[in-house]
Amino acid sequence: MDLRCAWMLCVLCLVPTVQAFTQEGFKEVVLKQLGLSEVPKLHKRDLVDLVIPDHVKNKYVSMLKRQRVKRRALPSLAGILRGVPGHAGQVLYSDTTTRQKLMFDMEGRIPENSEVTMAELKLFKKPLDRANLPARQSHRPVSNARVSVYWVQQQHDGTNRTSLVDSRLVPIRESGWKSFDVTQAVHYWLRNKRREPMFLEVWIEGERVGSYASEMAKAVSFTSQDPKDKAPGKPELVFYTLNLDDYGSPGDCREEAVMGKSTCCRQKHYISFRELPWAQHWILEPAGFQAYRCSGSCLQPPRALRRLGSGQRSCAVAGSSALPIIYLVKRGNRTEIEAAEFPGMIVERCSCASDG
């Protein structure tokens, strides 16, 4: 299916009030929901050294976590990955950020016919070396560092693009295990269907703007995947899954739905912002999302029981939820970054309804 058709179907299932089921029509709906008159006209200089402000990052992660609360409970532990043996996990330093690269071999790790309901990245924070702390002088005290986890997408042209999946403040003076929700990264990896490891990056930054907070953050370090790093607690990727043979996915389609042989159900339908020309540089996060769509047939009542004026019963959206996004907006000569929830983007339930 080409990209235009995919977006036509997305509009059809998510925005039933839109009559023009075209890529342009969908763009107009997006702009209207976000209160914009046109797609921001961006220049290359707007995208160079782009940094998402902490307050925008916090708002986005908070909205993501509200969505994650809806996940089904009681998953079983599928396994723990401790990285690729022999892979030297790089730790890179800059003036304001420490970046730690991680690699996990995912091939064959997720059981067949199962759903990953949650994935955690567990990092062991090393005890603080006070010799690395800068002199406080007259600065306001700094107690935390901001730790963010990004999924790294290796593109076909050899470049990398990252997507934020979790971010939190970590106490500088505490050591021990710290957990981050990387479910979204695993879903991205599953969507790509590539026979390659999953790559993550851990960014350590100051809890606020300023050189003192940045210097304090440099004292935070986690055990790496480098075999030469003898500190305890190698990075772990923990999967929680549901066996669909036992639990199933109430309301979700099985394989026969693809052939149109099932009753009304919710079918997986992934939308990639990175493949949509007008959105790939404007919508920064997420890289894409599982939108779902309604598929299948509906039983028709006997003619004698139909209400006057009602038509055929068909499978339609009965409930939807919002998609958190981070996007760029132009205000005069300034380019600003904002976070918002775009309503009605994710189909939660499908049911049969009568036309008219």
Protein backbone atom coordinates (compact mmCIF):
# COMPACT_ATOMS: atom_id res chain seq x y z
CA MET A 1 0.00 0.00 0.00
CA ASP A 2 1.45 3.39 -0.91
CA LEU A 3 1.72 6.24 1.57
CA ARG A 4 -1.17 8.23 0.16
CA CYS A 5 -3.55 5.27 0.47
CA ALA A 6 -2.38 4.59 4.03
CA TRP A 7 -3.21 8.14 5.06
CA MET A 8 -6.55 8.02 3.27
CA LEU A 9 -7.44 4.98 5.34
CA CYS A 10 -6.19 6.67 8.50
CA VAL A 11 -8.40 9.66 7.88
CA LEU A 12 -11.33 7.41 7.05
CA CYS A 13 -11.14 5.57 10.37
CA LEU A 14 -10.04 8.40 12.67
CA VAL A 15 -11.63 11.55 11.32
CA PRO A 16 -15.02 10.52 9.92
CA THR A 17 -16.16 14.15 9.53
CA VAL A 18 -13.54 14.87 6.88
CA GLN A 19 -14.96 14.44 3.40
CA ALA A 20 -11.76 14.79 1.33
CA PHE A 21 -9.86 11.61 2.14
CA THR A 22 -6.55 12.83 0.83
CA GLN A 23 -3.14 13.53 2.26
CA GLU A 24 -3.91 17.25 1.92
CA GLY A 25 -7.20 16.78 3.76
CA PHE A 26 -5.50 15.06 6.63
CA LYS A 27 -2.91 17.83 6.84
CA GLU A 28 -5.69 20.42 7.15
CA VAL A 29 -7.25 18.46 10.04
CA VAL A 30 -3.89 18.32 11.85
CA LEU A 31 -3.35 22.06 11.43
CA LYS A 32 -6.87 22.86 12.65
CA GLN A 33 -6.50 20.70 15.76
CA LEU A 34 -3.23 22.45 16.64
CA GLY A 35 -4.57 25.93 15.89
CA LEU A 36 -2.20 26.56 12.98
CA SER A 37 -3.05 28.14 9.64
CA GLU A 38 -0.24 26.42 7.69
CA VAL A 39 2.67 24.04 8.05
CA PRO A 40 5.63 26.00 9.49
CA LYS A 41 8.00 27.14 6.73
CA LEU A 42 11.27 25.79 8.07
CA HIS A 43 14.79 26.49 6.92
CA LYS A 44 17.85 24.34 7.47
CA ARG A 45 19.08 26.75 10.14
CA ASP A 46 15.90 26.06 12.15
CA LEU A 47 16.85 22.39 12.43
CA VAL A 48 20.57 22.71 13.17
CA ASP A 49 21.51 21.93 16.79
CA LEU A 50 17.84 21.70 17.72
CA VAL A 51 17.38 21.21 21.49
CA ILE A 52 14.02 20.31 23.05
CA PRO A 53 13.58 22.51 26.16
CA ASP A 54 13.17 20.66 29.47
CA HIS A 55 9.66 21.98 30.12
CA VAL A 56 8.51 20.70 26.70
CA LYS A 57 10.25 17.37 27.24
CA ASN A 58 8.62 17.00 30.69
CA LYS A 59 5.17 17.82 29.33
CA TYR A 60 5.53 15.30 26.49
CA VAL A 61 6.79 12.49 28.76
CA SER A 62 3.97 13.23 31.23
CA MET A 63 1.40 12.86 28.44
CA LEU A 64 3.06 9.62 27.29
CA LYS A 65 2.87 8.19 30.79
CA ARG A 66 -0.83 8.98 31.05
CA GLN A 67 -1.35 6.89 27.93
CA ARG A 68 0.76 4.03 29.32
CA VAL A 69 -1.43 3.74 32.43
CA LYS A 70 -4.09 2.22 30.15
CA ARG A 71 -2.00 -0.88 29.46
CA ARG A 72 -3.40 -4.24 30.45
CA ALA A 73 -2.10 -5.59 33.74
CA LEU A 74 -0.75 -9.00 34.78
CA PRO A 75 1.85 -9.55 32.06
CA SER A 76 4.38 -12.36 32.36
CA LEU A 77 8.11 -11.71 32.42
CA ALA A 78 9.44 -12.72 29.00
CA GLY A 79 13.14 -12.26 29.61
CA ILE A 80 16.06 -10.05 30.50
CA LEU A 81 18.67 -8.94 27.95
CA ARG A 82 22.06 -7.78 29.13
CA GLY A 83 23.39 -6.40 25.87
CA VAL A 84 25.49 -7.79 23.03
CA PRO A 85 28.50 -9.75 24.35
CA GLY A 86 31.73 -8.01 23.45
CA HIS A 87 29.99 -4.80 22.40
CA ALA A 88 31.94 -1.83 23.74
CA GLY A 89 29.25 0.55 24.97
CA GLN A 90 30.53 3.98 24.08
CA VAL A 91 30.32 6.92 26.47
CA LEU A 92 30.64 10.30 24.74
CA TYR A 93 31.15 13.66 26.45
CA SER A 94 30.40 17.21 25.35
CA ASP A 95 30.27 20.53 27.18
CA THR A 96 26.69 20.00 28.35
CA THR A 97 25.77 16.34 27.78
CA THR A 98 27.07 12.86 28.49
CA ARG A 99 25.78 10.28 25.98
CA GLN A 100 25.99 6.53 26.52
CA LYS A 101 25.29 4.21 23.59
CA LEU A 102 23.63 0.82 24.19
CA MET A 103 22.97 -2.15 21.90
CA PHE A 104 20.63 -5.11 22.50
CA ASP A 105 20.33 -8.18 20.27
CA MET A 106 16.56 -8.63 19.86
CA GLU A 107 16.47 -11.49 17.37
CA GLY A 108 14.29 -14.33 18.69
CA ARG A 109 13.91 -12.71 22.10
CA ILE A 110 10.17 -11.96 21.92
CA PRO A 111 7.96 -15.08 21.99
CA GLU A 112 5.76 -15.83 18.98
CA ASN A 113 2.11 -14.75 19.19
CA SER A 114 2.76 -12.47 22.13
CA GLU A 115 2.31 -8.77 22.82
CA VAL A 116 4.97 -6.65 24.52
CA THR A 117 2.94 -4.74 27.11
CA MET A 118 5.93 -3.12 28.79
CA ALA A 119 9.70 -2.92 28.43
CA GLU A 120 12.08 -1.46 31.00
CA LEU A 121 15.66 -0.32 30.62
CA LYS A 122 17.46 -0.82 33.93
CA LEU A 123 20.68 1.10 34.48
CA PHE A 124 22.96 0.85 37.50
CA LYS A 125 24.08 4.26 38.75
CA LYS A 126 27.61 4.09 40.11
CA PRO A 127 28.41 5.55 43.54
CA LEU A 128 29.29 9.23 43.37
CA ASP A 129 32.96 10.15 43.17
CA ARG A 130 32.97 13.42 45.11
CA ALA A 131 36.31 14.34 43.59
CA ASN A 132 34.44 14.91 40.31
CA LEU A 133 32.07 17.49 41.81
CA PRO A 134 32.71 21.14 40.90
CA ALA A 135 33.18 23.75 43.60
CA ARG A 136 29.78 25.10 44.63
CA GLN A 137 30.81 28.72 45.19
CA SER A 138 27.69 30.93 45.18
CA HIS A 139 25.52 28.80 42.90
CA ARG A 140 22.06 27.53 43.78
CA PRO A 141 22.28 23.91 44.94
CA VAL A 142 21.81 21.18 42.33
CA SER A 143 20.46 17.84 43.55
CA ASN A 144 19.51 16.04 40.32
CA ALA A 145 20.58 15.35 36.78
CA ARG A 146 18.16 14.84 33.89
CA VAL A 147 18.47 11.40 32.30
CA SER A 148 16.68 10.84 28.98
CA VAL A 149 16.50 7.67 26.88
CA TYR A 150 16.26 7.79 23.10
CA TRP A 151 15.62 5.09 20.51
CA VAL A 152 18.16 5.36 17.71
CA GLN A 153 16.89 4.67 14.20
CA GLN A 154 19.65 3.78 11.77
CA GLN A 155 18.54 5.12 8.40
CA HIS A 156 19.40 3.71 4.98
CA ASP A 157 21.70 6.62 4.13
CA GLY A 158 23.93 5.78 7.09
CA THR A 159 22.72 8.60 9.36
CA ASN A 160 20.95 8.18 12.70
CA ARG A 161 17.78 9.78 13.98
CA THR A 162 16.64 9.64 17.60
CA SER A 163 13.22 9.52 19.26
CA LEU A 164 12.63 10.40 22.92
CA VAL A 165 10.99 7.54 24.86
CA ASP A 166 11.49 8.46 28.54
CA SER A 167 13.04 11.16 30.70
CA ARG A 168 13.33 11.72 34.46
CA LEU A 169 15.37 13.45 37.15
CA VAL A 170 17.87 11.21 38.94
CA PRO A 171 19.40 12.19 42.31
CA ILE A 172 23.11 12.87 41.84
CA ARG A 173 24.16 11.53 45.23
CA GLU A 174 22.19 8.25 45.12
CA SER A 175 23.52 5.03 43.61
CA GLY A 176 21.69 1.85 42.57
CA TRP A 177 19.30 0.66 39.85
CA LYS A 178 17.22 3.20 37.92
CA SER A 179 14.40 2.08 35.57
CA PHE A 180 13.16 3.74 32.38
CA ASP A 181 10.10 2.86 30.31
CA VAL A 182 11.27 1.96 26.79
CA THR A 183 8.10 0.20 25.58
CA GLN A 184 7.75 2.73 22.77
CA ALA A 185 11.30 1.95 21.56
CA VAL A 186 10.55 -1.78 21.42
CA HIS A 187 7.37 -1.08 19.45
CA TYR A 188 9.39 1.04 17.02
CA TRP A 189 11.89 -1.81 16.61
CA LEU A 190 9.14 -4.37 16.04
CA ARG A 191 7.56 -2.12 13.44
CA ASN A 192 10.80 -1.83 11.45
CA LYS A 193 11.07 -5.63 11.08
CA ARG A 194 14.80 -5.43 10.52
CA ARG A 195 17.18 -8.19 11.46
CA GLU A 196 19.39 -5.93 13.52
CA PRO A 197 19.94 -5.07 17.19
CA MET A 198 18.03 -2.33 18.96
CA PHE A 199 20.07 0.79 19.67
CA LEU A 200 19.41 3.18 22.55
CA GLU A 201 21.13 6.33 23.75
CA VAL A 202 21.15 7.59 27.32
CA TRP A 203 21.63 11.36 27.66
CA ILE A 204 22.72 12.87 31.00
CA GLU A 205 22.18 16.64 31.27
CA GLY A 206 21.87 19.31 33.93
CA GLU A 207 18.54 19.61 35.69
CA ARG A 208 18.40 23.26 34.62
CA VAL A 209 20.20 25.62 32.26
CA GLY A 210 23.66 26.77 33.31
CA SER A 211 27.26 25.61 33.48
CA TYR A 212 27.11 24.62 37.17
CA ALA A 213 24.17 22.23 36.67
CA SER A 214 25.95 20.75 33.62
CA GLU A 215 29.16 20.21 35.58
CA MET A 216 27.22 18.53 38.41
CA ALA A 217 25.52 16.22 35.89
CA LYS A 218 28.93 15.04 34.64
CA ALA A 219 29.44 13.36 38.02
CA VAL A 220 26.58 10.95 37.16
CA SER A 221 27.65 7.71 35.47
CA PHE A 222 26.05 4.34 34.81
CA THR A 223 27.72 0.98 34.31
CA SER A 224 28.30 0.53 30.58
CA GLN A 225 28.24 -2.51 28.28
CA ASP A 226 32.01 -2.24 27.79
CA PRO A 227 33.64 -5.50 29.02
CA LYS A 228 36.44 -3.35 30.45
CA ASP A 229 33.94 -1.69 32.78
CA LYS A 230 34.22 -3.93 35.84
CA ALA A 231 31.58 -2.09 37.87
CA PRO A 232 28.56 -4.23 38.90
CA GLY A 233 25.18 -4.02 37.21
CA LYS A 234 25.39 -4.19 33.43
CA PRO A 235 22.48 -2.48 31.58
CA GLU A 236 19.40 -4.71 31.34
CA LEU A 237 16.41 -4.68 29.02
CA VAL A 238 13.40 -6.35 30.66
CA PHE A 239 10.37 -7.49 28.63
CA TYR A 240 6.86 -8.11 29.92
CA THR A 241 4.53 -9.89 27.50
CA LEU A 242 1.07 -11.40 27.20
CA ASN A 243 0.59 -14.76 25.53
CA LEU A 244 -2.20 -14.07 23.06
CA ASP A 245 -3.14 -17.77 22.94
CA ASP A 246 -4.16 -17.46 26.59
CA TYR A 247 -5.28 -13.85 26.87
CA GLY A 248 -6.10 -12.84 23.33
CA SER A 249 -6.70 -9.19 22.55
CA PRO A 250 -10.35 -8.42 23.23
CA GLY A 251 -11.74 -6.53 20.28
CA ASP A 252 -8.52 -6.79 18.26
CA CYS A 253 -8.36 -8.59 14.91
CA ARG A 254 -6.69 -11.90 14.27
CA GLU A 255 -5.11 -12.81 10.94
CA GLU A 256 -8.38 -13.70 9.25
CA ALA A 257 -9.49 -10.06 9.60
CA VAL A 258 -6.98 -9.07 6.94
CA MET A 259 -8.98 -11.12 4.44
CA GLY A 260 -12.22 -9.49 5.57
CA LYS A 261 -13.56 -12.71 7.05
CA SER A 262 -13.95 -11.62 10.67
CA THR A 263 -16.60 -9.77 12.59
CA CYS A 264 -15.94 -6.13 13.48
CA CYS A 265 -12.58 -5.72 15.21
CA ARG A 266 -9.60 -3.38 15.65
CA GLN A 267 -6.75 -3.99 13.21
CA LYS A 268 -3.17 -2.78 13.57
CA HIS A 269 -2.30 0.14 11.29
CA TYR A 270 1.02 1.93 11.81
CA ILE A 271 1.52 5.55 10.73
CA SER A 272 5.08 6.82 10.24
CA PHE A 273 5.61 10.57 10.51
CA ARG A 274 9.13 10.05 9.21
CA GLU A 275 7.73 8.85 5.85
CA LEU A 276 5.28 11.70 5.41
CA PRO A 277 7.04 14.54 3.48
CA TRP A 278 5.18 17.47 5.03
CA ALA A 279 5.49 16.15 8.60
CA GLN A 280 8.91 14.47 8.82
CA HIS A 281 10.81 17.63 9.87
CA TRP A 282 7.96 19.48 11.54
CA ILE A 283 6.65 16.81 13.93
CA LEU A 284 9.69 15.93 16.04
CA GLU A 285 8.17 13.23 18.27
CA PRO A 286 7.04 10.51 17.99
CA ALA A 287 8.63 8.86 14.95
CA GLY A 288 5.30 7.17 14.32
CA PHE A 289 2.46 5.49 16.16
CA GLN A 290 0.08 2.53 16.10
CA ALA A 291 -3.15 4.20 14.99
CA TYR A 292 -5.25 1.03 14.43
CA ARG A 293 -8.34 1.01 12.23
CA CYS A 294 -11.70 -0.72 12.27
CA SER A 295 -12.14 -3.73 10.03
CA GLY A 296 -14.51 -6.63 9.50
CA SER A 297 -18.19 -7.20 8.88
CA CYS A 298 -21.34 -6.74 10.95
CA LEU A 299 -24.43 -8.91 11.17
CA GLN A 300 -27.52 -7.23 9.73
CA PRO A 301 -30.83 -7.39 11.64
CA PRO A 302 -33.92 -8.79 9.89
CA ARG A 303 -35.64 -6.18 7.75
CA ALA A 304 -38.68 -6.21 10.06
CA LEU A 305 -36.52 -5.11 13.01
CA ARG A 306 -34.71 -2.24 11.30
CA ARG A 307 -35.54 1.27 12.42
CA LEU A 308 -37.13 3.57 9.89
CA GLY A 309 -34.43 5.40 7.99
CA SER A 310 -31.54 3.28 9.27
CA GLY A 311 -29.15 1.72 6.80
CA GLN A 312 -26.62 -1.08 6.87
CA ARG A 313 -24.71 -1.78 10.05
CA SER A 314 -20.97 -1.26 9.54
CA CYS A 315 -17.80 -1.46 11.59
CA ALA A 316 -16.85 1.99 12.93
CA VAL A 317 -14.76 3.73 15.59
CA ALA A 318 -16.47 3.60 19.00
CA GLY A 319 -13.69 5.17 21.06
CA SER A 320 -10.37 6.89 20.49
CA SER A 321 -7.53 8.47 22.46
CA ALA A 322 -5.10 11.33 21.96
CA LEU A 323 -1.55 11.15 20.63
CA PRO A 324 1.10 13.27 22.40
CA ILE A 325 3.38 15.06 19.92
CA ILE A 326 6.29 17.52 19.95
CA TYR A 327 6.25 19.88 17.00
CA LEU A 328 7.87 23.04 15.64
CA VAL A 329 5.96 26.28 15.19
CA LYS A 330 7.08 29.59 13.64
CA ARG A 331 6.24 32.82 15.48
CA GLY A 332 7.57 35.73 13.46
CA ASN A 333 11.28 35.10 13.00
CA ARG A 334 11.42 32.67 15.91
CA THR A 335 11.13 28.88 15.75
CA GLU A 336 9.58 27.42 18.90
CA ILE A 337 9.08 23.85 20.11
CA GLU A 338 5.80 22.85 21.73
CA ALA A 339 4.10 19.72 23.04
CA ALA A 340 0.41 18.93 22.63
CA GLU A 341 -2.08 16.09 22.59
CA PHE A 342 -3.66 15.54 19.19
CA PRO A 343 -7.16 14.13 19.90
CA GLY A 344 -8.75 11.20 18.12
CA MET A 345 -5.56 9.74 16.65
CA ILE A 346 -5.57 6.26 18.21
CA VAL A 347 -8.53 3.92 17.80
CA GLU A 348 -9.32 2.27 21.15
CA ARG A 349 -12.58 0.45 20.34
CA CYS A 350 -14.58 -0.58 17.29
CA SER A 351 -18.24 -1.56 17.13
CA CYS A 352 -21.08 -2.03 14.69
CA ALA A 353 -23.29 0.99 14.02
CA SER A 354 -26.14 1.63 11.62
CA ASP A 355 -25.70 4.22 8.89
CA GLY A 356 -28.03 7.14 9.45
